[in-house]
Amino acid sequence: MINPYDSPADLPSVLPVFPLRGAILLPRASLTLNVFEPRYVALVDYALAHERLIGVVQPSGETGSAESPQGKSFPVRTIGCLGRITSFSEADDGPLVISLTGISRFATGDEIDTDAAFRLFAVDFRSYADDFINDLGEEDVDRVRLLATLRRYLEANGLHADWDRINEAANEQLVNTLSILSPYGPEEKQALLEAGSLRERAEALVALAEMELAARDDNSGTSLQ
């Protein structure tokens, strides 16, 4: 993707948002969404007509467990991430499938009152100017520990991975993609989103995996070390 945005000043101050529990997006990583609810089909139509931009943000924790609550009054998290539609397909009798590529995180402001079926919010990117810097902090990531923990986690869960692609991935791509794909709950995903640096996000991924492995260890009486 050729990113036409170099700084917070290049981005709009109002965004349509897709509230989705358990889903996060991060700069230069991708998130694929199946879109079938009429309100979100309308959101995608709006985004395609407005620079293809969508904000991804989780509903607040007190809103229950619904993936995307009904209505327009439920609160959303204070931090989300802007994505640009970089892939779009539409089946005759199925959902839209879109891929979003992350640009920058944002702070969520006031909601804009409209008659649209979806929601628009004022947003502020100024606290996340570093998100526009490719590969920032890559050298601070403990890649050896991250990959070793990932391998143990996959083996413990009977999962497989394309290790050729993993080994070729740069640290930023690896950490952010693993954060998006991780199977953790909304609170853990939000913590990964809000991590202050790439190193902190990688350390959080390792800590979460190690806690799950330790819990499995305690319950089974066997060791994964």
Foldseek 3Di string as FASTA:
>chain_A
DDDPDQFQVVDDQKAFEDAFFPFAAAAQEKDKDWADDPLVVVRQVVLVVPQQKYKYWYFDPVPDDDGGDDDDPGHTDQKGWMWGFPDWDDDPPGTIMTMTHTQAMWGWDAWDDDPGRTTMTGIGRNVTRVSSPPPPPLVVAPVVLLVVLVVLLCVVVVHDDDVVVLVPDGLVHNLRNCLRPPPDGRVLSVCLRPDPDSNRNSVSVSVVSVVVQVVVCVVPVDHSD
